[in-house]
Amino acid sequence: MYAMRTPSLVRLFFSSCVFLGLSLSMTQTFAFSSACSSLSSACWGGPSSASNSSRSSSSSSFSNTSNYSTSTSYTSASASTSACGIYSTSSSSSSSNSSAASVQCAIANANAWNTGYDFAVNVTNTGTEAVSAWEVYIALGEGHTIGNTWGADVSLDGQIITAENLQWNGTLQPGQSTTFGINGTHPGAFVQPQCISGSLPNRAPSAGVEVDVYGPTVFVDARTSTDPDDNPLTYDIDFGDGEAIRYSNAWHTYRAAGDYTVTVTVSDGELTDIHTDVITVTEYTGGNRAPIAMLAIGSDRGRIYGRANAAFDEDGDALTYIWDVGTGPTTSTSPSSPGRYVNGGAYVTVTVSDGELADTKQMFAPANCTYWYDFRASANFEYHLDNMTVYVDARDSEAAYNINWTFGDGTTSNDLVTSHTYAEPGIYRLTLSASGIPFSDTEAVTLIVGDVQDNEPPIPALVCEESTMDYIDGPVTTCDVSGTLDPDGDYLTYIVDWGDGSSSGVASYTRFAHQYEEAGDYVITLTVSDTLNTVTEQFNWTSSGQIDEPNEPPVAAIACTEVERAVEQPDGSSVEQYFTACSGVGTVDPNEDDDLVFSWEMGDGATYETTRSIDTVFHQYQVAGSYTVTMTVSDGEFTDTITREVASSGIEIPDNNTPPTACFRIIQNAIYPPPLNATFDANCSSDVDGDTLTYQWEFGDGSTATGVITSHQFANPGRYETRLTVSDGRASHSTTHTGIYGAVGTAQCEYVLTSEWSTGFTGAVRITNEGVAPLNGWRVEWQYAGGDRISGAWNTQFSGNNPYTAASLGWNAVIQPGQTVEFGFQGTKPEGIAAEVPTVMGAICE
């Protein structure tokens, strides 16, 4: 802020500068006469002479009180008559409490008359070493100016004087002093100057604001704001209608005419200046209209960026974009901002202009150099229906870079603000989809358009089934209403009254589940509405309780590949050798709660046993050749056996072979929601030796495939890790990619101990859907590190023997947003040891 030439600096302040944030209580009273006719050496502390005391005209007195608080001490003497014949204070001094300071300053012989003053400043080296330069500050009272100066290089900034040594008096030995002087004018009330050691206090910025109004649109510009200390400034603009932005200049269009208070706060990080303007905006009366800015942001491992693709101009004007990602504004014709790497985040600001008027949007983009942030768009819109025409406006949507309207009659639009005229009266579903980076949001409303004369009511249909499990809290019934028909194809909503005092509430999905407290006969009432017509129909239902589920044999699947693994040698080194890796991935058991055992015969006399399909057997064949691997899976009652021919390269890896490089890309025909199916293309895999390659795919859901290009359909939405293993017959290489397939919900999966005794415990897992869409089907897994084991479970399809797997049943497969599903279990544990609380994992879990 200020240039410093030695570490031993003393800054001088004036007692009346309250705006500098100091607080020292000091009252000084002065009497002064007419102006000094000359400035003799006596005025600066020379010999006193009565003959020089010629100023005795009428006098007046004043007092000044200022508040300071610093680490500096102050003294002030009473007024006396100097040799110049004017009334003055004999001395005023200040000294630093800092042990590091080696220079002390003091105001001497401060004289005042009419509208003039003069004073001397003594600068003394109080340290133990010589200084080669010095710099001091003096603060003048309000309205005080400087005239002539001597003995120092003096400059004035506002009311602050900066005095630096001249060439001849910069060096001061310990105990040595030098003096310089200043004279000037005051506004009629002279205030004693003060010396202050330490850093110069911060001064408040000054807000310079210009506000221009163009009908309903306003432009606020605070870029002429200044800071006397040249500190960087921040700007907060409040438009007075609930909208605000942190930027130096911004455009804004008000929704309604009226008077608004625009408040601009300019800050240097410590002090602020606030400027307000009351403006009057009017309704749009024709001519050019300001564009509508829309902003979506992305943050990918420290790189932030913005997208304004959804920005819209109602007049069809070409748009330009002024982007600022925290590095200063840049003008572009692209709706995509430049990227910026920043750890911690920054504001992304865009001003969309049609060349005459503009609109400004801003969002804060958090950033971290090691991971990325996902932003979900928010679909919000206003609509107005006028007979056969609907007018829609999606400018209130947030974090959206693409807008899509579906009007329910096959017509669509990507305009932010638009209208649509229906050809025929009817009931239509108006849907807005707002796409963000990367997640989207949808909002919909049902419209009754025109005079609907011939609308036919829906025809209810209900099919119910009993749960296949016996539940402790009562039998579970699942009902499907997808067979309901509407002759006009209208959008339908449903309410299911279960006949025991509970109901489903209004919903648009077609599958419902309910748990009765006890078995019995119930009357289920289904209410179906197409908005214009509501139809109610009753169905008799008997809930009987338990239905036994017959055991079915498992179906074996096997996947084998040759891999390279490091083998530790006796000398501590490691050598890469060939292994054949086999697993039962893809094995299916219709009764998912069965405990499975996988028995392996490797074809050379070696055998293994595993308990999970994902467990991998790593085996080394001593001699290269072809071997038959046999795997038998058993659920304790039924078995299934499968064989696979594998080619082994033996143990040693030839030095002349270069392993292939696995590479693949995933092709999906939609961005969001991502489809459940995808094409996997490994054509980018390579082998520098030109060897023929084989391709083995593992899709993370138990399914496998081969071939350079393959397609796969996932049964349930989720995040799945796809592994590709490419082999040249002697070496192989694998690569993975985790993708999202289907609309994946985000759920909180919580393991809870409900009771515990010396050798056992009971617990529950609670799954809460914290997303915005229903979760259809769930599967979770956990494992105990010690001796805890599960002996029984309820309200779930349970399988495994540490780790354990729990999956949804028909009646509790669907978890609505905000809804919680809970299942329970009982287990044993070592006596005297507290029961474990493991982490629950699964594709739906956070």
Foldseek 3Di string as FASTA:
>chain_A
DDDDDDPQAWAWEFQAPVLLVFFQWDKAKWKWFADQPDDDVQLAVDDADPVLQDTDPDIDMDMDTHTGDDQKDKDWAHWDATSNNIIDTAWIFIDHPDPPHQKGKIKGNWGDYFFKIKIKMKIAGQDQAKFQWYKYKKFFHPQWDWDDKPQWDWDDQRRMIITIGDNVPGIHGHGGMDMMMIMTTHPGHGGDMGIGGDDRGFGEKAWDWDWDADAQKIKIARVVIGGSVRADKWKKKDFQPPDIDTDRMFMDGDPAWDKGKIWMWIGSPPHIDIDIDIDTHHHDDDDFDAKQFAWAWWEFQQKIWIAGQQIAGPVPAQKKKWKDQPPDTDIGSHRIGDIDGDAQWGKIKIWIGSPPHIGIDIDIAGYHNPGIDADEKAFDKDWDADAQKIWIAGSVIHNFNWKKKDWQPRDMDTHRTDMDGDPDFDKGKIKMWGQHRHHIDMDIDIDGHHDDDDFDWKAWDKDKDWFQAFFPQATKMKIFGVPIGGPVPAQKWKKKDWQPPDIDPIDRHGMAMDGDRYWAKGKIKMWMDSPVDIDIDIDIDTHDGHHHDDFDWKEWDKDKDKAWDWDADPVGHTDIKIWIKMFRQQIDGPLLAFFKKKWKDWQPRDIDIDGDRPDIDIGFDQAWDKGKMKIWMGSPPDIDIDIDIDTAPGIDADPPADAKAWDWDWDFPDRPPTAQKIKIAGPVIGGPVPADKKKWKDWQRSDIDIDRMDMDGHPFWFWTKMKIWIGSSRHIDIDIDIDTHGDAFAWAWFKAWPADDFWKTKIKIKIAGQGQAKGAKWKKWWFDPDFKWFDFWRQFSWYYTGTIMTIHTPNPRIHHHGGMDMIMTMITDHGPDDDDGTDMDTRNYD
